[in-house]
N, C-alpha and C. Protein backbone atom coordinates (compact mmCIF):
# COMPACT_ATOMS: atom_id res chain seq x y z
N MET A 1 144.68 27.39 70.03
CA MET A 1 145.53 28.40 70.64
C MET A 1 144.80 29.74 70.62
N HIS A 2 144.91 30.47 71.72
CA HIS A 2 144.24 31.77 71.86
C HIS A 2 145.03 32.85 71.12
N GLN A 3 144.34 33.55 70.23
CA GLN A 3 144.97 34.65 69.51
C GLN A 3 144.70 35.94 70.28
N GLN A 4 145.76 36.71 70.53
CA GLN A 4 145.60 37.96 71.26
C GLN A 4 144.83 38.95 70.41
N SER A 5 143.83 39.59 71.01
CA SER A 5 143.02 40.54 70.26
C SER A 5 143.73 41.88 70.14
N TYR A 6 143.30 42.64 69.17
CA TYR A 6 143.87 43.96 68.91
C TYR A 6 143.55 44.90 70.05
N LYS A 7 144.51 45.70 70.46
CA LYS A 7 144.30 46.70 71.51
C LYS A 7 144.19 48.07 70.86
N LEU A 8 143.07 48.75 71.10
CA LEU A 8 142.85 50.07 70.53
C LEU A 8 143.87 51.07 71.06
N THR A 9 144.35 51.93 70.17
CA THR A 9 145.31 52.97 70.53
C THR A 9 144.59 54.30 70.67
N GLU A 10 145.32 55.30 71.15
CA GLU A 10 144.77 56.66 71.25
C GLU A 10 144.34 57.16 69.86
N LYS A 11 145.16 56.89 68.86
CA LYS A 11 144.84 57.30 67.49
C LYS A 11 143.55 56.62 67.02
N ASP A 12 143.41 55.33 67.32
CA ASP A 12 142.18 54.60 66.97
C ASP A 12 140.97 55.25 67.64
N ALA A 13 141.13 55.60 68.92
CA ALA A 13 140.01 56.17 69.67
C ALA A 13 139.57 57.51 69.08
N VAL A 14 140.53 58.32 68.64
CA VAL A 14 140.19 59.59 67.99
C VAL A 14 139.38 59.30 66.73
N GLU A 15 139.83 58.35 65.95
CA GLU A 15 139.12 57.97 64.72
C GLU A 15 137.73 57.42 65.04
N ILE A 16 137.62 56.66 66.13
CA ILE A 16 136.32 56.14 66.55
C ILE A 16 135.36 57.28 66.83
N TRP A 17 135.80 58.30 67.56
CA TRP A 17 134.94 59.45 67.83
C TRP A 17 134.48 60.11 66.54
N LEU A 18 135.40 60.35 65.63
CA LEU A 18 135.06 61.02 64.38
C LEU A 18 134.06 60.20 63.57
N ARG A 19 134.27 58.90 63.52
CA ARG A 19 133.35 58.03 62.78
C ARG A 19 131.99 57.96 63.46
N TYR A 20 131.99 57.89 64.78
CA TYR A 20 130.75 57.85 65.55
C TYR A 20 129.94 59.13 65.35
N TRP A 21 130.60 60.27 65.45
CA TRP A 21 129.91 61.55 65.21
C TRP A 21 129.42 61.66 63.78
N GLY A 22 130.07 60.96 62.86
CA GLY A 22 129.66 60.96 61.46
C GLY A 22 128.47 60.06 61.19
N GLY A 23 128.00 59.35 62.23
CA GLY A 23 126.81 58.53 62.09
C GLY A 23 127.05 57.05 61.89
N GLU A 24 128.30 56.63 61.95
CA GLU A 24 128.60 55.21 61.75
C GLU A 24 128.23 54.41 63.00
N PHE A 25 127.66 53.23 62.79
CA PHE A 25 127.27 52.36 63.90
C PHE A 25 128.50 51.81 64.62
N GLN A 26 128.38 51.68 65.94
CA GLN A 26 129.50 51.19 66.75
C GLN A 26 129.95 49.80 66.31
N HIS A 27 129.01 48.92 65.96
CA HIS A 27 129.42 47.57 65.57
C HIS A 27 130.17 47.56 64.24
N HIS A 28 129.90 48.51 63.36
CA HIS A 28 130.66 48.60 62.11
C HIS A 28 132.07 49.12 62.39
N ILE A 29 132.17 50.10 63.28
CA ILE A 29 133.48 50.62 63.66
C ILE A 29 134.30 49.50 64.28
N ALA A 30 133.70 48.77 65.21
CA ALA A 30 134.40 47.68 65.89
C ALA A 30 134.88 46.63 64.89
N ALA A 31 134.04 46.28 63.94
CA ALA A 31 134.42 45.26 62.95
C ALA A 31 135.64 45.70 62.14
N SER A 32 135.76 46.99 61.87
CA SER A 32 136.89 47.46 61.07
C SER A 32 138.22 47.33 61.83
N TYR A 33 138.15 47.30 63.16
CA TYR A 33 139.35 47.11 63.97
C TYR A 33 139.51 45.67 64.43
N GLY A 34 138.50 44.85 64.19
CA GLY A 34 138.55 43.46 64.62
C GLY A 34 138.42 43.31 66.13
N VAL A 35 137.64 44.20 66.75
CA VAL A 35 137.45 44.14 68.20
C VAL A 35 135.97 43.97 68.53
N ASN A 36 135.71 43.58 69.75
CA ASN A 36 134.36 43.45 70.25
C ASN A 36 133.72 44.84 70.30
N PRO A 37 132.45 44.97 69.93
CA PRO A 37 131.79 46.28 69.98
C PRO A 37 131.84 46.94 71.36
N GLY A 38 131.99 46.14 72.39
CA GLY A 38 132.10 46.68 73.74
C GLY A 38 133.32 47.57 73.91
N ARG A 39 134.40 47.28 73.18
CA ARG A 39 135.61 48.11 73.27
C ARG A 39 135.34 49.50 72.69
N VAL A 40 134.61 49.55 71.59
CA VAL A 40 134.25 50.84 70.99
C VAL A 40 133.31 51.59 71.93
N ASN A 41 132.37 50.88 72.52
CA ASN A 41 131.43 51.49 73.45
C ASN A 41 132.15 52.06 74.66
N GLU A 42 133.20 51.41 75.12
CA GLU A 42 133.98 51.93 76.25
C GLU A 42 134.62 53.28 75.91
N VAL A 43 135.03 53.45 74.67
CA VAL A 43 135.57 54.74 74.23
C VAL A 43 134.45 55.78 74.24
N ILE A 44 133.32 55.44 73.65
CA ILE A 44 132.19 56.37 73.54
C ILE A 44 131.62 56.74 74.92
N LYS A 45 131.63 55.80 75.84
CA LYS A 45 131.12 56.05 77.20
C LYS A 45 132.18 56.65 78.12
N ARG A 46 133.34 56.97 77.54
CA ARG A 46 134.44 57.62 78.27
C ARG A 46 135.00 56.76 79.40
N LYS A 47 135.06 55.46 79.18
CA LYS A 47 135.65 54.55 80.16
C LYS A 47 137.05 54.11 79.75
N ARG A 48 137.43 54.37 78.52
CA ARG A 48 138.73 53.97 78.00
C ARG A 48 139.23 55.07 77.06
N LEU A 49 140.54 55.33 77.12
CA LEU A 49 141.19 56.32 76.24
C LEU A 49 140.45 57.67 76.29
N VAL A 50 140.25 58.15 77.50
CA VAL A 50 139.39 59.31 77.76
C VAL A 50 139.83 60.58 77.03
N GLY A 51 141.11 60.86 76.93
CA GLY A 51 141.56 62.08 76.28
C GLY A 51 141.31 62.13 74.79
N SER A 52 140.94 61.02 74.21
CA SER A 52 140.74 60.97 72.76
C SER A 52 139.59 61.85 72.28
N GLU A 53 138.58 62.04 73.11
CA GLU A 53 137.43 62.87 72.70
C GLU A 53 137.87 64.32 72.49
N THR A 54 138.70 64.83 73.38
CA THR A 54 139.19 66.20 73.26
C THR A 54 140.01 66.39 71.99
N VAL A 55 140.87 65.42 71.70
CA VAL A 55 141.68 65.47 70.48
C VAL A 55 140.77 65.44 69.25
N ALA A 56 139.78 64.56 69.27
CA ALA A 56 138.86 64.44 68.14
C ALA A 56 138.07 65.74 67.95
N LEU A 57 137.64 66.35 69.05
CA LEU A 57 136.91 67.62 68.95
C LEU A 57 137.76 68.70 68.29
N SER A 58 139.03 68.77 68.66
CA SER A 58 139.90 69.79 68.06
C SER A 58 140.15 69.50 66.59
N MET A 59 140.25 68.23 66.23
CA MET A 59 140.42 67.86 64.82
C MET A 59 139.17 68.21 64.03
N ARG A 60 138.03 67.99 64.63
CA ARG A 60 136.75 68.25 63.97
C ARG A 60 136.58 69.74 63.69
N ARG A 61 137.01 70.57 64.63
CA ARG A 61 136.91 72.02 64.46
C ARG A 61 137.84 72.53 63.38
N ASP A 62 138.98 71.87 63.23
CA ASP A 62 139.97 72.29 62.24
C ASP A 62 139.53 72.04 60.80
N HIS A 63 138.52 71.19 60.62
CA HIS A 63 138.10 70.85 59.25
C HIS A 63 136.93 71.66 58.81
């Protein structure tokens, strides 16, 4: 039986940006969510959950 894979949320995408900017490898980030590394790459390449980068930038400045 096919198990439905996890779908990344806007909150996940913000966290992905922060982790990526922190130097974490995309495949490690993907493994923590149980998704294919291509899904994380789609966030980083601005093909999915596009507004998340702006939110992550504002969070990064606040710290």
